[in-house]
Amino acid sequence: MFYVYILRCRDGTLYTGYTNDIAKRLAAHSTGNGSKYTRSRLPATLEAQFECKSKSEALRLEASIKKMPRAAKIGMISHALK
C-alpha cells in the first residue's frame, strides 16, 4: 500500500509527498530528515492522507495535487480523513 499525504508547515504552507510507510515518513519529517522543504518549516502536521493501490497511482495523485491551487488543496484536506 502507498500513501499520498499533505502536511501543513509552521509557516502555513502545504507540502505533499508519497510513501509506503506513513508512520516512518512522518517521523522523518518531524526530525528534520524528511525533506529539505519541511526541514526549515518545522513543525509540520499531517493534514490529510490518501491510500493508493500502487506506487504509480500514488505518484500520479501526488503530481496532480502539487499542480492544484492552494484553495483546491484545502478543499481536499477538508474532505479527507486523517
N, C-alpha and C. Protein backbone atom coordinates (compact mmCIF):
# COMPACT_ATOMS: atom_id res chain seq x y z
N MET A 1 0.84 -1.17 0.00
CA MET A 1 0.00 0.00 0.00
C MET A 1 0.90 1.25 0.00
N PHE A 2 0.51 2.23 -0.76
CA PHE A 2 1.22 3.50 -0.82
C PHE A 2 0.30 4.61 -0.37
N TYR A 3 0.87 5.69 0.10
CA TYR A 3 0.10 6.81 0.62
C TYR A 3 0.60 8.12 0.03
N VAL A 4 -0.33 9.01 -0.21
CA VAL A 4 -0.02 10.39 -0.54
C VAL A 4 -0.49 11.19 0.66
N TYR A 5 0.32 12.13 1.10
CA TYR A 5 -0.02 12.88 2.30
C TYR A 5 0.19 14.37 2.07
N ILE A 6 -0.53 15.15 2.86
CA ILE A 6 -0.38 16.61 2.83
C ILE A 6 -0.05 17.06 4.24
N LEU A 7 1.04 17.80 4.38
CA LEU A 7 1.46 18.37 5.65
C LEU A 7 1.23 19.87 5.64
N ARG A 8 0.90 20.42 6.79
CA ARG A 8 0.85 21.88 6.95
C ARG A 8 2.08 22.26 7.77
N CYS A 9 2.91 23.10 7.20
CA CYS A 9 4.14 23.53 7.86
C CYS A 9 3.87 24.71 8.81
N ARG A 10 4.84 24.99 9.65
CA ARG A 10 4.74 26.07 10.62
C ARG A 10 4.35 27.40 9.99
N ASP A 11 4.85 27.66 8.79
CA ASP A 11 4.55 28.93 8.13
C ASP A 11 3.22 28.91 7.36
N GLY A 12 2.46 27.81 7.49
CA GLY A 12 1.15 27.72 6.86
C GLY A 12 1.16 27.14 5.46
N THR A 13 2.35 26.90 4.90
CA THR A 13 2.42 26.31 3.57
C THR A 13 2.07 24.83 3.63
N LEU A 14 1.69 24.29 2.48
CA LEU A 14 1.33 22.88 2.38
C LEU A 14 2.39 22.12 1.62
N TYR A 15 2.73 20.94 2.10
CA TYR A 15 3.71 20.08 1.47
C TYR A 15 3.04 18.76 1.14
N THR A 16 3.23 18.26 -0.07
CA THR A 16 2.65 16.99 -0.49
C THR A 16 3.76 16.01 -0.82
N GLY A 17 3.59 14.77 -0.37
CA GLY A 17 4.57 13.74 -0.65
C GLY A 17 3.91 12.38 -0.73
N TYR A 18 4.70 11.35 -1.01
CA TYR A 18 4.17 9.98 -1.04
C TYR A 18 5.14 9.07 -0.30
N THR A 19 4.63 7.93 0.16
CA THR A 19 5.44 6.96 0.88
C THR A 19 4.73 5.62 0.90
N ASN A 20 5.46 4.59 1.28
CA ASN A 20 4.82 3.30 1.52
C ASN A 20 4.74 3.00 3.02
N ASP A 21 5.29 3.88 3.85
CA ASP A 21 5.24 3.73 5.31
C ASP A 21 4.98 5.10 5.91
N ILE A 22 3.72 5.42 6.13
CA ILE A 22 3.34 6.77 6.55
C ILE A 22 3.93 7.13 7.92
N ALA A 23 3.92 6.20 8.87
CA ALA A 23 4.46 6.50 10.20
C ALA A 23 5.95 6.81 10.15
N LYS A 24 6.69 6.01 9.40
CA LYS A 24 8.14 6.23 9.27
C LYS A 24 8.43 7.57 8.58
N ARG A 25 7.66 7.89 7.55
CA ARG A 25 7.88 9.14 6.81
C ARG A 25 7.55 10.35 7.68
N LEU A 26 6.47 10.28 8.44
CA LEU A 26 6.12 11.40 9.33
C LEU A 26 7.17 11.58 10.41
N ALA A 27 7.70 10.48 10.91
CA ALA A 27 8.78 10.57 11.91
C ALA A 27 10.01 11.23 11.30
N ALA A 28 10.32 10.89 10.05
CA ALA A 28 11.46 11.51 9.38
C ALA A 28 11.24 13.02 9.22
N HIS A 29 10.04 13.41 8.82
CA HIS A 29 9.75 14.84 8.69
C HIS A 29 9.89 15.54 10.04
N SER A 30 9.39 14.94 11.10
CA SER A 30 9.40 15.61 12.40
C SER A 30 10.81 15.79 12.96
N THR A 31 11.76 14.96 12.52
CA THR A 31 13.14 15.10 12.98
C THR A 31 14.00 15.93 12.04
N GLY A 32 13.38 16.44 10.97
CA GLY A 32 14.13 17.25 10.02
C GLY A 32 14.81 16.47 8.92
N ASN A 33 14.53 15.17 8.83
CA ASN A 33 15.15 14.32 7.82
C ASN A 33 14.20 13.95 6.69
N GLY A 34 13.01 14.53 6.66
CA GLY A 34 12.01 14.16 5.68
C GLY A 34 12.22 14.78 4.32
N SER A 35 12.41 16.08 4.30
CA SER A 35 12.65 16.78 3.03
C SER A 35 13.31 18.12 3.33
N LYS A 36 13.99 18.62 2.36
CA LYS A 36 14.65 19.91 2.50
C LYS A 36 13.62 21.02 2.74
N TYR A 37 12.46 20.90 2.06
CA TYR A 37 11.42 21.93 2.18
C TYR A 37 10.88 22.01 3.61
N THR A 38 10.55 20.88 4.20
CA THR A 38 9.95 20.91 5.54
C THR A 38 10.97 21.13 6.65
N ARG A 39 12.22 20.83 6.38
CA ARG A 39 13.27 20.94 7.41
C ARG A 39 13.31 22.33 8.06
N SER A 40 13.16 23.36 7.24
CA SER A 40 13.22 24.73 7.78
C SER A 40 11.86 25.27 8.19
N ARG A 41 10.82 24.43 8.08
CA ARG A 41 9.45 24.88 8.37
C ARG A 41 8.79 24.03 9.45
N LEU A 42 9.57 23.39 10.29
CA LEU A 42 9.02 22.53 11.34
C LEU A 42 8.42 23.36 12.46
N PRO A 43 7.42 22.87 13.14
CA PRO A 43 6.83 21.54 12.98
C PRO A 43 5.86 21.50 11.80
N ALA A 44 5.71 20.31 11.25
CA ALA A 44 4.76 20.07 10.17
C ALA A 44 3.75 19.04 10.67
N THR A 45 2.49 19.32 10.47
CA THR A 45 1.44 18.43 10.95
C THR A 45 0.70 17.78 9.78
N LEU A 46 0.33 16.54 9.98
CA LEU A 46 -0.41 15.80 8.96
C LEU A 46 -1.81 16.38 8.84
N GLU A 47 -2.16 16.79 7.64
CA GLU A 47 -3.50 17.33 7.37
C GLU A 47 -4.38 16.32 6.66
N ALA A 48 -3.80 15.49 5.80
CA ALA A 48 -4.58 14.50 5.06
C ALA A 48 -3.68 13.40 4.55
N GLN A 49 -4.27 12.23 4.38
CA GLN A 49 -3.55 11.13 3.74
C GLN A 49 -4.53 10.36 2.87
N PHE A 50 -4.03 9.84 1.76
CA PHE A 50 -4.83 9.13 0.79
C PHE A 50 -4.16 7.82 0.47
N GLU A 51 -4.90 6.72 0.53
CA GLU A 51 -4.35 5.40 0.20
C GLU A 51 -4.37 5.18 -1.30
N CYS A 52 -3.32 4.58 -1.80
CA CYS A 52 -3.22 4.23 -3.22
C CYS A 52 -2.82 2.77 -3.32
N LYS A 53 -3.28 2.11 -4.37
CA LYS A 53 -3.01 0.67 -4.54
C LYS A 53 -1.63 0.38 -5.11
N SER A 54 -1.04 1.36 -5.77
CA SER A 54 0.27 1.13 -6.38
C SER A 54 1.12 2.40 -6.29
N LYS A 55 2.40 2.22 -6.50
CA LYS A 55 3.32 3.36 -6.48
C LYS A 55 2.98 4.31 -7.62
N SER A 56 2.67 3.78 -8.79
CA SER A 56 2.36 4.65 -9.93
C SER A 56 1.09 5.47 -9.66
N GLU A 57 0.10 4.87 -9.02
CA GLU A 57 -1.11 5.62 -8.66
C GLU A 57 -0.77 6.74 -7.67
N ALA A 58 0.07 6.43 -6.70
CA ALA A 58 0.47 7.43 -5.70
C ALA A 58 1.24 8.57 -6.36
N LEU A 59 2.14 8.25 -7.25
CA LEU A 59 2.92 9.29 -7.93
C LEU A 59 2.03 10.18 -8.79
N ARG A 60 1.04 9.59 -9.45
CA ARG A 60 0.11 10.40 -10.26
C ARG A 60 -0.71 11.32 -9.37
N LEU A 61 -1.22 10.79 -8.25
CA LEU A 61 -2.01 11.61 -7.33
C LEU A 61 -1.16 12.73 -6.75
N GLU A 62 0.06 12.41 -6.33
CA GLU A 62 0.96 13.42 -5.77
C GLU A 62 1.19 14.54 -6.80
N ALA A 63 1.47 14.18 -8.03
CA ALA A 63 1.72 15.17 -9.07
C ALA A 63 0.49 16.03 -9.32
N SER A 64 -0.68 15.42 -9.32
CA SER A 64 -1.90 16.21 -9.57
C SER A 64 -2.19 17.16 -8.42
N ILE A 65 -1.93 16.72 -7.18
CA ILE A 65 -2.14 17.61 -6.02
C ILE A 65 -1.17 18.78 -6.07
N LYS A 66 0.08 18.51 -6.42
CA LYS A 66 1.09 19.57 -6.47
C LYS A 66 0.75 20.63 -7.52
N LYS A 67 0.00 20.26 -8.56
CA LYS A 67 -0.39 21.21 -9.59
C LYS A 67 -1.62 22.04 -9.20
N MET A 68 -2.33 21.62 -8.17
CA MET A 68 -3.56 22.30 -7.76
C MET A 68 -3.27 23.64 -7.10
N PRO A 69 -4.19 24.58 -7.24
CA PRO A 69 -4.06 25.81 -6.47
C PRO A 69 -4.32 25.53 -4.98
N ARG A 70 -3.84 26.40 -4.15
CA ARG A 70 -3.96 26.21 -2.69
C ARG A 70 -5.40 25.96 -2.25
N ALA A 71 -6.35 26.70 -2.81
CA ALA A 71 -7.75 26.55 -2.41
C ALA A 71 -8.26 25.13 -2.67
N ALA A 72 -7.86 24.55 -3.78
CA ALA A 72 -8.27 23.18 -4.09
C ALA A 72 -7.64 22.18 -3.11
N LYS A 73 -6.40 22.41 -2.73
CA LYS A 73 -5.74 21.54 -1.76
C LYS A 73 -6.46 21.61 -0.41
N ILE A 74 -6.84 22.80 -0.01
CA ILE A 74 -7.55 22.96 1.26
C ILE A 74 -8.90 22.26 1.18
N GLY A 75 -9.55 22.30 0.03
CA GLY A 75 -10.78 21.57 -0.17
C GLY A 75 -10.58 20.07 -0.04
N MET A 76 -9.50 19.58 -0.58
CA MET A 76 -9.19 18.14 -0.45
C MET A 76 -8.96 17.76 1.00
N ILE A 77 -8.26 18.63 1.72
CA ILE A 77 -7.98 18.37 3.13
C ILE A 77 -9.28 18.27 3.92
N SER A 78 -10.22 19.16 3.65
CA SER A 78 -11.47 19.16 4.41
C SER A 78 -12.32 17.93 4.14
N HIS A 79 -12.11 17.26 3.00
CA HIS A 79 -12.86 16.06 2.68
C HIS A 79 -12.11 14.77 2.99
N ALA A 80 -10.87 14.87 3.37
CA ALA A 80 -10.05 13.68 3.62
C ALA A 80 -10.10 13.28 5.09
N LEU A 81 -9.86 12.02 5.31
CA LEU A 81 -9.74 11.52 6.67
C LEU A 81 -8.26 11.47 7.03
N LYS A 82 -7.94 11.88 8.23
CA LYS A 82 -6.55 11.81 8.68
C LYS A 82 -6.21 10.40 9.07
